[in-house]
Amino acid sequence: MSAPVASTISEIEMLRHQARMAHQVVRLNVDGLSHEDSLIQPRPGGNCLNWVVGHLLAIYHHVLPLLGQAPVMPTDVLKRYDRGSPPIRNAVEAVDFAELKSAWDECSRRFDHGLAGLTAEVLAAPAPASPSNDANETVGSLLSTISWHQAYHCGQTGILRRAAGKEGAIR
């Protein structure tokens, strides 16, 4: 096996491992929480758990087609959770939390499946977009940024679990 192929396999497996960890952390932190719990606003500001989980879904939603996978939820539903959208202040704006949790499971499964099918050529290809406005963004660097982004918000789910009055899920 040549070094570039071995390196690509390691990169893909690392991305898959990070995505699986993100899935597991979110599932642990949302376990036992109700829709009402998911709408509790952190103080002094920020987004509720419902928005954070919906946002994690929205980010994967945008990249699933790049990985050869179909989105899990309609784009118009997840638009409410896109980058830069305001915090959810009214319960009628929120997708039912049980639906978000179920969609998170399926979306994570599809993301992992899509990652498993990547090749060195796809990873090295120019990305269709760059959240950091990097003119040299590749699919591989975009996926690395997405992995970091998801981990950032996964940490918030633990804090928001405690804001809902629940004991921490990760010890």
Foldseek 3Di string as FASTA:
>chain_A
DDPLQVVLVVLLVVLLVLLVVLLVLLCLLCPPPFQVLQQDADPPHDAGNQLLLLLLLLLLQVCLVLLVHHRQDDPVLSVCNYPPHDHDPDSVNGDGVVVSNVSSVVSSVSVSVSSVPDGSVQQCDADPDDPVPDPRHGNSVRSVVSSVVSVVSSVVSQVSSVVSVDDGRDD
